[in-house]
Each structure stands twice: as structure tokens, then as C-alpha cells.
């Protein structure tokens, strides 16, 4: 049984190649989604954004290509390829494409056992 979906297994890959930038759009590919974790690849066209919102889990962005502007708790951060930032649960955050960019978003939700 595979727990990850929409991605080949048993092969070396560049995650950035698994999602494609489309002009004027945000493209996403969900790799895992359950009560504990969500893993999604995103490709943002320059100027596209996800407006300010909150999450019930801690959200970690890993920029795969390009540069993103991430606003966390009202503070703007520039993240380039290979850089990460954690957006804590309940803290307002937004994502903006300063240029075409790709990222992996991992959201970890509180365990129902806590």
C-alpha cells in the first residue's frame, strides 16, 4: 500500500520537475493528505498569490525553484531555492510569487492522541 500518491516511487527525481508553472495560475499536486499531514507541491506563476489565511497545523514551505515572498504574522520574508520557513498554526500567513517559483508545502496537524 502506498501512502504517497500522484508521484512515482523507487526512482530518483527532482521534486521541482514534478509540477509545472502555468502562466497566470497556481498549480498544485497533492502527495499526501490525511488527519496528521498534508504534503503538496505548488508551482506559482509570477504575481500569483494565496492571500492571508491561517492553518490548523504548522506549515513548512521548502522553496524548490525561484523566489517567493512569504508573509508570516505580518512580517514579509523572501525565500529562495533551498530555503524554508515555518508558518506556525493559527498565525496568519500569505504566499506571493515574486517570480515564477515552485515549493513543497508540508502541514503537520496536532495528533488526536495528544
Protein backbone atom coordinates (compact mmCIF):
# COMPACT_ATOMS: atom_id res chain seq x y z
CA UNK A 1 0.00 0.00 0.00
CA UNK A 2 1.39 3.40 -0.98
CA UNK A 3 0.84 6.30 1.41
CA UNK A 4 2.13 8.87 -1.06
CA UNK A 5 0.08 9.45 -4.21
CA UNK A 6 0.48 11.26 -7.53
CA UNK A 7 4.22 10.60 -7.61
CA UNK A 8 6.37 7.71 -8.81
CA UNK A 9 8.16 5.61 -6.23
CA UNK A 10 11.52 3.84 -6.33
CA UNK A 11 13.13 6.44 -8.59
CA UNK A 12 15.42 9.39 -8.03
CA UNK A 13 13.74 12.67 -9.00
CA UNK A 14 13.88 16.42 -8.68
CA UNK A 15 10.68 17.49 -6.92
CA UNK A 16 10.70 20.74 -8.91
CA UNK A 17 10.22 18.68 -12.09
CA UNK A 18 7.04 17.12 -10.68
CA UNK A 19 4.96 20.32 -11.05
CA UNK A 20 4.87 22.84 -13.91
CA UNK A 21 4.43 26.62 -13.85
CA UNK A 22 1.45 27.72 -15.96
CA UNK A 23 1.23 31.47 -16.75
CA UNK A 24 -1.46 33.20 -14.66
CA UNK A 25 -2.08 30.19 -12.43
CA UNK A 26 -1.14 28.35 -9.28
CA UNK A 27 -0.74 24.64 -9.98
CA UNK A 28 -0.77 22.07 -7.17
CA UNK A 29 -0.14 18.35 -6.84
CA UNK A 30 -1.17 16.66 -3.59
CA UNK A 31 1.24 13.95 -2.48
CA UNK A 32 -0.36 13.09 0.88
CA UNK A 33 -3.49 14.21 2.72
CA UNK A 34 -4.75 12.78 5.99
CA UNK A 35 -5.55 13.79 9.57
CA UNK A 36 -1.85 14.02 10.52
CA UNK A 37 -0.09 15.53 7.50
CA UNK A 38 -0.58 17.21 4.15
CA UNK A 39 2.20 17.36 1.54
CA UNK A 40 1.62 19.36 -1.63
CA UNK A 41 3.83 20.59 -4.46
CA UNK A 42 2.97 24.04 -5.85
CA UNK A 43 4.04 25.99 -8.94
CA UNK A 44 3.24 29.73 -8.85
CA UNK A 45 3.31 31.96 -11.88
CA UNK A 46 4.91 35.36 -11.23
CA UNK A 47 2.41 37.65 -9.49
CA UNK A 48 0.08 34.88 -8.31
CA UNK A 49 -0.68 34.61 -4.61
CA UNK A 50 -2.51 32.80 -1.86
CA UNK A 51 -3.99 35.59 0.24
CA UNK A 52 -3.71 35.83 4.02
CA UNK A 53 -5.20 32.87 5.86
CA UNK A 54 -4.48 30.59 8.82
CA UNK A 55 -3.90 26.86 9.13
CA UNK A 56 -4.82 24.43 11.87
CA UNK A 57 -1.36 22.87 11.56
CA UNK A 58 2.24 24.03 11.41
CA UNK A 59 3.02 24.69 7.75
CA UNK A 60 6.59 24.39 6.42
CA UNK A 61 7.48 25.72 2.98
CA UNK A 62 10.55 24.47 1.11
CA UNK A 63 11.23 26.58 -1.98
CA UNK A 64 12.37 24.31 -4.82
CA UNK A 65 12.94 26.91 -7.58
CA UNK A 66 12.68 30.67 -7.90
CA UNK A 67 11.86 33.16 -5.16
CA UNK A 68 8.74 33.55 -3.04
CA UNK A 69 7.59 36.26 -0.69
CA UNK A 70 6.00 34.72 2.40
CA UNK A 71 4.24 36.89 4.94
CA UNK A 72 4.01 35.34 8.41
CA UNK A 73 2.29 37.23 11.20
CA UNK A 74 2.52 40.45 9.17
CA UNK A 75 6.29 40.12 8.55
CA UNK A 76 7.48 39.65 4.94
CA UNK A 77 10.21 37.11 4.20
CA UNK A 78 11.96 36.39 0.90
CA UNK A 79 12.75 32.70 0.37
CA UNK A 80 14.82 31.33 -2.48
CA UNK A 81 15.56 27.84 -3.77
CA UNK A 82 16.71 25.55 -0.98
CA UNK A 83 15.35 27.81 1.78
CA UNK A 84 12.50 27.02 4.16
CA UNK A 85 10.22 28.80 6.60
CA UNK A 86 7.71 27.52 9.14
CA UNK A 87 4.35 29.24 9.44
CA UNK A 88 3.00 28.27 12.88
CA UNK A 89 -0.54 27.00 13.32
CA UNK A 90 -3.04 29.81 13.84
CA UNK A 91 -0.69 32.56 12.63
CA UNK A 92 -1.95 34.48 9.57
CA UNK A 93 0.24 33.93 6.52
CA UNK A 94 0.29 34.51 2.76
CA UNK A 95 2.37 33.40 -0.23
CA UNK A 96 3.24 35.59 -3.25
CA UNK A 97 5.20 34.77 -6.39
CA UNK A 98 7.86 37.48 -6.78
CA UNK A 99 8.80 35.46 -9.86
CA UNK A 100 7.83 32.02 -11.14
CA UNK A 101 8.58 29.63 -8.29
CA UNK A 102 7.94 26.13 -7.03
CA UNK A 103 7.59 24.93 -3.47
CA UNK A 104 6.72 21.93 -1.35
CA UNK A 105 4.27 22.63 1.46
CA UNK A 106 4.17 20.24 4.41
CA UNK A 107 1.48 20.82 7.03
CA UNK A 108 1.62 18.82 10.25
CA UNK A 109 -1.58 18.68 12.27
CA UNK A 110 -1.96 18.04 16.00
CA UNK A 111 -2.29 14.39 16.87
CA UNK A 112 -5.71 13.30 18.04
CA UNK A 113 -3.82 11.35 20.75
CA UNK A 114 -2.42 14.49 22.49
